[in-house]
């Protein structure tokens, strides 16, 4: 697992104010994957989790669309508690569905009449605009077709995120970007990380290099954090006291069949790449946990994490990678419903396990499965 590119941690500052606790409230950290407009699935998950007032949130680590969800969540929470966070997330994703907002994910929406019925109708493989744009991106880079470096994401982030809430609010927020020069992840967070979190960090975390010019921060160029940590788990381990980490997974680990067209091959390569950092971290966590359980490491020196996951691989299975650029409002709302339902199932099955035991089977990530 690549070591995050971050300076040595300075001495910790005084504890920050935390959200008020209610009775038997349990606390979790959230780890939010990126995946373009599929981040609306995570919106649905968060929307349902925030309804459960017995479940507190301490830290949030996100990458790309996951970073945007984390920042909007933290902003809404700081300004209006749980209700404020839910309203902020809804306003953000409805803004993404507008023509101006859709440019943040490539500016595509809708499918042609050739598309199949159901959720698969939101795949863009049959959309002539999408097909032409993909050919265009093979010939020209954003440095050529966007010489002024305009980033449509900046305006929408400015409308929905308050940097002060990320730095000083009750939730600890961490976002990951990838250094173009070193290929290593850099996590932006509070002062303890030595990497200030602000609008540029969010733009860097969501910077797909085929669509947008690299984001410059302190003289360093950054691309989408999904290439190196989707999302990064280590900030939640070292920078928050919470032991329960809930991963919201939106990128498939498995895809049946072998891709045989250039587009399908490129899409699957991207999926594998965007999962590699997370799989590496989970392997390291699983290895340490096994050594502790075998008595080969001193338990008191290592954090006894309890890992959980909300996902819906079956529900998202009909969606091709092309749908990650689809920002049609009906599609985002369909993903939101899927996310809420997945969170409801997890709460029903595992809410009582928070604070008690892990519910994520790490073998899902550590070993190949044969159908």
Protein backbone atom coordinates (compact mmCIF):
# COMPACT_ATOMS: atom_id res chain seq x y z
CA UNK A 1 0.00 0.00 0.00
CA UNK A 2 1.58 3.34 -0.99
CA UNK A 3 2.45 5.61 1.88
CA UNK A 4 0.44 8.85 1.85
CA UNK A 5 2.45 11.89 0.90
CA UNK A 6 2.06 14.11 3.94
CA UNK A 7 4.41 15.96 6.28
CA UNK A 8 5.12 14.76 9.79
CA UNK A 9 2.15 15.35 12.03
CA UNK A 10 2.55 18.30 14.41
CA UNK A 11 1.48 18.18 18.04
CA UNK A 12 -2.25 17.79 18.41
CA UNK A 13 -4.31 20.85 19.14
CA UNK A 14 -7.01 21.08 21.81
CA UNK A 15 -9.97 18.73 21.20
CA UNK A 16 -12.58 20.21 18.87
CA UNK A 17 -16.22 20.56 19.86
CA UNK A 18 -18.21 17.45 19.01
CA UNK A 19 -21.86 16.93 18.11
CA UNK A 20 -23.96 16.46 21.25
CA UNK A 21 -24.46 12.84 22.24
CA UNK A 22 -27.91 11.39 22.90
CA UNK A 23 -28.36 8.56 25.36
CA UNK A 24 -26.98 5.35 23.87
CA UNK A 25 -25.71 7.01 20.70
CA UNK A 26 -22.97 5.06 18.94
CA UNK A 27 -20.40 6.83 16.79
CA UNK A 28 -19.00 5.90 13.39
CA UNK A 29 -16.50 7.24 10.89
CA UNK A 30 -17.56 7.31 7.24
CA UNK A 31 -15.41 6.32 4.26
CA UNK A 32 -16.99 7.48 0.99
CA UNK A 33 -15.90 6.21 -2.41
CA UNK A 34 -15.86 8.32 -5.55
CA UNK A 35 -17.53 7.36 -8.79
CA UNK A 36 -18.87 10.35 -10.69
CA UNK A 37 -22.64 10.75 -10.62
CA UNK A 38 -22.90 7.39 -8.83
CA UNK A 39 -22.06 9.49 -5.78
CA UNK A 40 -25.83 10.10 -5.66
CA UNK A 41 -26.07 6.54 -4.28
CA UNK A 42 -23.95 7.74 -1.35
CA UNK A 43 -26.29 10.74 -0.99
CA UNK A 44 -29.11 8.25 -0.41
CA UNK A 45 -27.07 6.26 2.11
CA UNK A 46 -26.17 9.40 4.07
CA UNK A 47 -29.74 10.67 3.91
CA UNK A 48 -30.99 7.51 5.64
CA UNK A 49 -28.15 7.31 8.17
CA UNK A 50 -28.75 10.90 9.23
CA UNK A 51 -32.34 10.02 10.11
CA UNK A 52 -31.06 7.68 12.84
CA UNK A 53 -30.34 10.03 15.74
CA UNK A 54 -28.83 7.19 17.75
CA UNK A 55 -25.95 6.97 15.27
CA UNK A 56 -23.35 9.72 15.56
CA UNK A 57 -20.68 10.69 13.04
CA UNK A 58 -17.14 11.69 13.99
CA UNK A 59 -14.92 11.70 10.89
CA UNK A 60 -15.53 11.47 7.13
CA UNK A 61 -12.93 10.50 4.54
CA UNK A 62 -13.89 10.87 0.88
CA UNK A 63 -12.45 10.86 -2.59
CA UNK A 64 -13.74 12.55 -5.75
CA UNK A 65 -17.56 12.48 -5.55
CA UNK A 66 -17.08 11.03 -2.06
CA UNK A 67 -15.05 14.10 -1.11
CA UNK A 68 -17.83 16.37 -2.37
CA UNK A 69 -20.40 14.40 -0.39
CA UNK A 70 -18.19 14.64 2.70
CA UNK A 71 -17.70 18.40 2.35
CA UNK A 72 -21.39 19.14 1.74
CA UNK A 73 -22.36 16.88 4.63
CA UNK A 74 -19.94 18.65 6.99
CA UNK A 75 -21.11 22.09 5.84
CA UNK A 76 -24.76 21.27 6.34
CA UNK A 77 -24.11 19.64 9.71
CA UNK A 78 -22.13 22.64 10.98
CA UNK A 79 -24.89 25.03 9.95
CA UNK A 80 -27.99 23.03 10.82
CA UNK A 81 -27.24 19.68 12.41
CA UNK A 82 -28.63 16.49 10.88
CA UNK A 83 -31.52 18.24 9.17
CA UNK A 84 -29.12 20.80 7.76
CA UNK A 85 -26.84 18.06 6.42
CA UNK A 86 -29.74 16.27 4.70
CA UNK A 87 -30.97 19.50 3.13
CA UNK A 88 -27.45 20.45 2.01
CA UNK A 89 -26.89 17.11 0.27
CA UNK A 90 -30.25 17.30 -1.50
CA UNK A 91 -29.54 20.85 -2.69
CA UNK A 92 -26.10 19.87 -3.98
CA UNK A 93 -27.28 16.89 -6.02
CA UNK A 94 -30.25 18.78 -7.41
CA UNK A 95 -27.77 21.45 -8.50
CA UNK A 96 -25.64 18.78 -10.20
CA UNK A 97 -28.72 17.82 -12.21
CA UNK A 98 -28.95 21.29 -13.76
CA UNK A 99 -27.22 21.99 -17.10
CA UNK A 100 -24.57 24.06 -15.32
CA UNK A 101 -23.97 21.41 -12.67
CA UNK A 102 -23.81 18.54 -15.14
CA UNK A 103 -20.56 19.92 -16.54
CA UNK A 104 -18.89 18.85 -13.27
CA UNK A 105 -19.15 15.21 -14.38
CA UNK A 106 -18.55 15.66 -18.06
CA UNK A 107 -21.77 17.36 -19.12
CA UNK A 108 -23.68 14.30 -20.32
CA UNK A 109 -27.27 13.27 -19.65
CA UNK A 110 -29.92 11.05 -21.13
CA UNK A 111 -29.84 8.09 -23.45
CA UNK A 112 -31.17 7.45 -26.91
CA UNK A 113 -34.27 5.48 -27.83
CA UNK A 114 -31.98 2.49 -28.45
CA UNK A 115 -31.30 2.12 -24.73
CA UNK A 116 -32.76 -0.90 -22.87
CA UNK A 117 -35.46 -0.40 -20.22
CA UNK A 118 -34.87 -0.08 -16.48
CA UNK A 119 -31.82 1.37 -14.75
CA UNK A 120 -29.67 0.35 -17.73
CA UNK A 121 -31.43 3.09 -19.70
CA UNK A 122 -29.15 5.56 -17.94
CA UNK A 123 -26.02 4.07 -19.50
CA UNK A 124 -24.67 6.46 -22.11
CA UNK A 125 -23.24 3.87 -24.48
CA UNK A 126 -26.16 4.55 -26.83
CA UNK A 127 -25.95 8.32 -26.53
CA UNK A 128 -24.43 9.84 -29.69
CA UNK A 129 -23.10 12.85 -27.75
CA UNK A 130 -21.29 10.54 -25.35
CA UNK A 131 -19.78 8.45 -28.15
CA UNK A 132 -18.55 11.54 -30.00
CA UNK A 133 -17.18 13.11 -26.81
CA UNK A 134 -15.18 9.97 -25.99
CA UNK A 135 -13.56 10.09 -29.41
CA UNK A 136 -12.85 13.78 -28.91
CA UNK A 137 -11.13 13.10 -25.58
CA UNK A 138 -8.82 10.60 -27.29
CA UNK A 139 -7.59 13.35 -29.62
CA UNK A 140 -7.47 16.41 -27.37
CA UNK A 141 -6.53 17.04 -23.75
CA UNK A 142 -8.13 19.64 -21.45
CA UNK A 143 -5.03 21.76 -22.00
CA UNK A 144 -6.04 21.98 -25.66
CA UNK A 145 -9.86 22.19 -25.58
CA UNK A 146 -9.91 24.23 -22.35
CA UNK A 147 -6.89 26.57 -22.66
CA UNK A 148 -8.25 29.00 -20.03
CA UNK A 149 -8.49 26.24 -17.45
CA UNK A 150 -12.11 26.91 -16.50
CA UNK A 151 -13.43 24.38 -13.99
CA UNK A 152 -17.26 24.24 -13.77
CA UNK A 153 -16.95 22.33 -10.50
CA UNK A 154 -15.53 25.37 -8.69
CA UNK A 155 -18.76 27.36 -8.93
CA UNK A 156 -20.93 24.54 -7.64
CA UNK A 157 -18.54 23.78 -4.77
CA UNK A 158 -18.51 27.44 -3.80
CA UNK A 159 -22.30 27.41 -3.65
CA UNK A 160 -22.53 24.39 -1.37
CA UNK A 161 -19.35 24.17 0.73
CA UNK A 162 -18.07 26.44 3.50
CA UNK A 163 -14.32 25.81 4.04
CA UNK A 164 -14.59 27.06 7.63
CA UNK A 165 -17.00 24.22 8.38
CA UNK A 166 -14.40 21.73 7.13
CA UNK A 167 -11.64 23.23 9.25
CA UNK A 168 -13.53 24.07 12.42
CA UNK A 169 -16.88 22.27 12.36
CA UNK A 170 -17.89 19.28 14.47
CA UNK A 171 -16.98 16.69 11.82
CA UNK A 172 -13.40 15.84 10.86
CA UNK A 173 -13.18 15.81 7.06
CA UNK A 174 -10.38 14.26 5.00
CA UNK A 175 -10.14 14.24 1.21
CA UNK A 176 -7.61 12.48 -1.00
CA UNK A 177 -5.93 13.72 -4.19
CA UNK A 178 -3.18 12.14 -6.30
CA UNK A 179 0.12 13.90 -6.91
CA UNK A 180 0.80 13.98 -10.65
CA UNK A 181 4.53 14.12 -10.02
CA UNK A 182 4.90 11.25 -7.54
CA UNK A 183 1.73 9.25 -8.10
CA UNK A 184 1.25 9.17 -4.34
CA UNK A 185 -1.91 10.10 -2.40
CA UNK A 186 -2.07 13.31 -0.42
CA UNK A 187 -4.75 13.65 2.22
CA UNK A 188 -6.04 17.11 3.05
CA UNK A 189 -7.63 17.60 6.44
CA UNK A 190 -7.35 19.54 9.64
CA UNK A 191 -4.20 21.07 11.08
CA UNK A 192 -3.02 17.77 12.52
CA UNK A 193 -2.31 16.57 8.97
CA UNK A 194 -0.41 19.67 7.98
CA UNK A 195 -2.46 19.87 4.75
CA UNK A 196 -5.12 22.55 4.77
CA UNK A 197 -8.50 21.49 3.43
CA UNK A 198 -10.27 23.99 1.22
CA UNK A 199 -11.95 24.39 -2.15
CA UNK A 200 -8.78 23.60 -4.11
CA UNK A 201 -8.37 20.30 -2.25
CA UNK A 202 -11.91 19.30 -3.20
CA UNK A 203 -11.34 20.27 -6.83
CA UNK A 204 -8.10 18.27 -6.86
CA UNK A 205 -9.78 15.20 -5.38
CA UNK A 206 -12.38 15.25 -8.17
CA UNK A 207 -10.04 16.19 -11.05
CA UNK A 208 -10.39 13.62 -13.82
CA UNK A 209 -7.36 14.33 -16.05
CA UNK A 210 -9.23 13.54 -19.26
CA UNK A 211 -11.75 16.29 -18.50
CA UNK A 212 -9.97 18.91 -16.39
CA UNK A 213 -6.53 20.44 -16.04
CA UNK A 214 -4.53 19.38 -12.98
CA UNK A 215 -5.23 21.45 -9.86
CA UNK A 216 -2.21 23.32 -8.52
CA UNK A 217 -1.78 23.43 -4.72
CA UNK A 218 1.40 24.82 -3.17
CA UNK A 219 3.27 24.34 -6.44
CA UNK A 220 2.21 20.70 -6.83
CA UNK A 221 -0.19 19.38 -9.47
CA UNK A 222 -2.97 16.99 -8.44
CA UNK A 223 -5.41 14.66 -10.16
CA UNK A 224 -8.38 12.66 -8.93
CA UNK A 225 -7.76 10.91 -5.62
CA UNK A 226 -9.33 7.70 -6.90
CA UNK A 227 -6.05 6.72 -8.53
CA UNK A 228 -4.32 6.40 -5.15
CA UNK A 229 -6.95 6.07 -2.41
CA UNK A 230 -10.66 5.59 -2.96
CA UNK A 231 -11.08 6.52 -0.17
CA UNK A 232 -8.10 6.74 2.19
CA UNK A 233 -8.80 4.95 5.50
CA UNK A 234 -5.64 5.83 7.42
CA UNK A 235 -6.74 9.38 8.43
CA UNK A 236 -9.75 7.89 10.18
CA UNK A 237 -7.47 5.46 12.01
CA UNK A 238 -4.92 8.02 13.18
CA UNK A 239 -6.88 11.26 13.44
CA UNK A 240 -10.14 10.25 15.13
CA UNK A 241 -10.81 8.22 18.30
CA UNK A 242 -13.72 6.32 16.74
CA UNK A 243 -13.27 2.58 16.24
CA UNK A 244 -16.19 1.86 13.88
CA UNK A 245 -15.60 2.70 10.20
CA UNK A 246 -18.46 2.43 7.71
CA UNK A 247 -17.41 2.16 4.05
CA UNK A 248 -19.93 3.26 1.44
CA UNK A 249 -18.86 1.33 -1.66
CA UNK A 250 -20.09 2.28 -5.12
CA UNK A 251 -17.38 0.80 -7.38
CA UNK A 252 -17.73 -2.89 -8.30
CA UNK A 253 -14.92 -5.26 -7.40
CA UNK A 254 -16.23 -7.95 -9.71
CA UNK A 255 -17.53 -7.82 -13.27
CA UNK A 256 -18.50 -11.01 -15.00
CA UNK A 257 -17.19 -11.68 -18.49
CA UNK A 258 -14.10 -10.44 -20.27
CA UNK A 259 -14.28 -6.99 -21.91
CA UNK A 260 -13.50 -7.24 -25.61
CA UNK A 261 -13.90 -3.73 -27.04
CA UNK A 262 -11.45 -0.85 -26.54
CA UNK A 263 -14.02 1.11 -24.52
CA UNK A 264 -14.93 -1.84 -22.29
CA UNK A 265 -11.27 -2.67 -21.68
CA UNK A 266 -10.46 0.94 -20.75
CA UNK A 267 -13.49 1.10 -18.44
CA UNK A 268 -12.53 -2.08 -16.59
CA UNK A 269 -8.93 -0.93 -16.22
CA UNK A 270 -10.19 2.29 -14.62
CA UNK A 271 -12.43 0.35 -12.23
CA UNK A 272 -9.55 -1.86 -11.13
CA UNK A 273 -7.27 1.15 -10.69
CA UNK A 274 -9.84 3.06 -8.65
CA UNK A 275 -10.25 0.11 -6.26
CA UNK A 276 -6.55 -0.71 -5.87
CA UNK A 277 -5.73 1.78 -3.11
CA UNK A 278 -8.69 0.76 -0.95
CA UNK A 279 -7.98 -2.95 -1.43
CA UNK A 280 -4.35 -2.36 -0.43
CA UNK A 281 -5.35 -0.59 2.78
CA UNK A 282 -7.90 -3.26 3.69
CA UNK A 283 -5.29 -5.96 3.12
CA UNK A 284 -2.92 -4.16 5.48
CA UNK A 285 -5.66 -3.76 8.10
CA UNK A 286 -6.63 -7.42 7.79
CA UNK A 287 -2.99 -8.50 8.11
CA UNK A 288 -2.47 -6.47 11.29
CA UNK A 289 -5.74 -7.70 12.78
CA UNK A 290 -4.73 -11.29 12.14
CA UNK A 291 -1.33 -10.78 13.77
CA UNK A 292 -2.97 -9.22 16.83
CA UNK A 293 -5.47 -12.09 17.05
CA UNK A 294 -2.59 -14.59 16.88
CA UNK A 295 -0.76 -12.78 19.69
CA UNK A 296 2.16 -11.83 17.44
CA UNK A 297 1.62 -8.07 17.98
CA UNK A 298 0.90 -6.15 21.15
CA UNK A 299 -2.88 -5.37 21.11
CA UNK A 300 -2.58 -2.10 23.03
CA UNK A 301 -0.37 -0.54 20.37
CA UNK A 302 -2.88 -1.05 17.54
CA UNK A 303 -6.37 0.32 17.07
CA UNK A 304 -8.98 -2.40 17.17
CA UNK A 305 -11.05 -1.28 14.20
CA UNK A 306 -14.58 -2.50 13.61
CA UNK A 307 -15.29 -2.35 9.89
CA UNK A 308 -18.71 -2.15 8.22
CA UNK A 309 -19.92 -1.61 4.66
CA UNK A 310 -23.02 -0.38 2.84
CA UNK A 311 -23.17 -1.43 -0.81
CA UNK A 312 -25.60 -2.68 -3.45
CA UNK A 313 -23.59 -4.48 -6.11
CA UNK A 314 -26.70 -6.18 -7.47
CA UNK A 315 -28.70 -2.98 -7.72
CA UNK A 316 -25.89 -1.11 -9.45
CA UNK A 317 -24.90 -4.04 -11.68
CA UNK A 318 -26.91 -2.88 -14.75
CA UNK A 319 -24.92 0.38 -14.83
CA UNK A 320 -21.92 0.70 -17.11
CA UNK A 321 -19.04 3.08 -16.33
CA UNK A 322 -20.50 5.47 -18.91
CA UNK A 323 -23.42 6.15 -16.57
CA UNK A 324 -21.04 7.88 -14.15
CA UNK A 325 -21.22 10.88 -16.50
CA UNK A 326 -25.02 10.89 -16.58
CA UNK A 327 -26.46 13.70 -14.44
CA UNK A 328 -30.12 13.37 -15.43
CA UNK A 329 -32.20 14.24 -12.37
CA UNK A 330 -34.34 11.11 -12.59
CA UNK A 331 -31.15 9.02 -12.60
CA UNK A 332 -29.68 10.79 -9.57
CA UNK A 333 -32.94 10.34 -7.70
CA UNK A 334 -33.05 6.64 -8.65
CA UNK A 335 -29.53 6.24 -7.23
CA UNK A 336 -30.62 8.12 -4.11
CA UNK A 337 -33.46 5.62 -3.61
CA UNK A 338 -31.07 2.69 -4.06
CA UNK A 339 -28.72 4.21 -1.49
CA UNK A 340 -31.48 4.79 1.06
CA UNK A 341 -32.67 1.21 0.65
CA UNK A 342 -29.14 -0.16 1.06
CA UNK A 343 -28.63 1.90 4.22
CA UNK A 344 -32.00 0.71 5.57
CA UNK A 345 -30.96 -2.91 5.07
CA UNK A 346 -27.63 -2.29 6.80
CA UNK A 347 -29.28 -0.55 9.76
CA UNK A 348 -31.78 -3.38 10.16
CA UNK A 349 -29.10 -6.05 10.02
CA UNK A 350 -26.15 -4.39 11.76
CA UNK A 351 -27.07 -1.24 13.71
CA UNK A 352 -26.72 -3.16 16.99
CA UNK A 353 -23.25 -4.33 15.98
CA UNK A 354 -21.83 -0.80 15.98
CA UNK A 355 -19.56 -0.52 18.98
CA UNK A 356 -19.52 -4.30 19.38
CA UNK A 357 -18.06 -6.11 16.38
CA UNK A 358 -17.07 -5.82 12.72
CA UNK A 359 -19.66 -6.75 10.11
CA UNK A 360 -17.48 -6.47 7.00
CA UNK A 361 -15.97 -9.71 5.77
CA UNK A 362 -12.52 -8.66 4.59
CA UNK A 363 -12.24 -11.79 2.46
CA UNK A 364 -14.54 -9.92 0.04
CA UNK A 365 -11.54 -7.76 -0.76
CA UNK A 366 -8.65 -10.08 -0.01
CA UNK A 367 -9.35 -13.23 -1.98
CA UNK A 368 -10.66 -13.94 -5.48
CA UNK A 369 -14.13 -15.44 -5.70
CA UNK A 370 -15.22 -17.92 -8.33
CA UNK A 371 -18.83 -17.95 -9.40
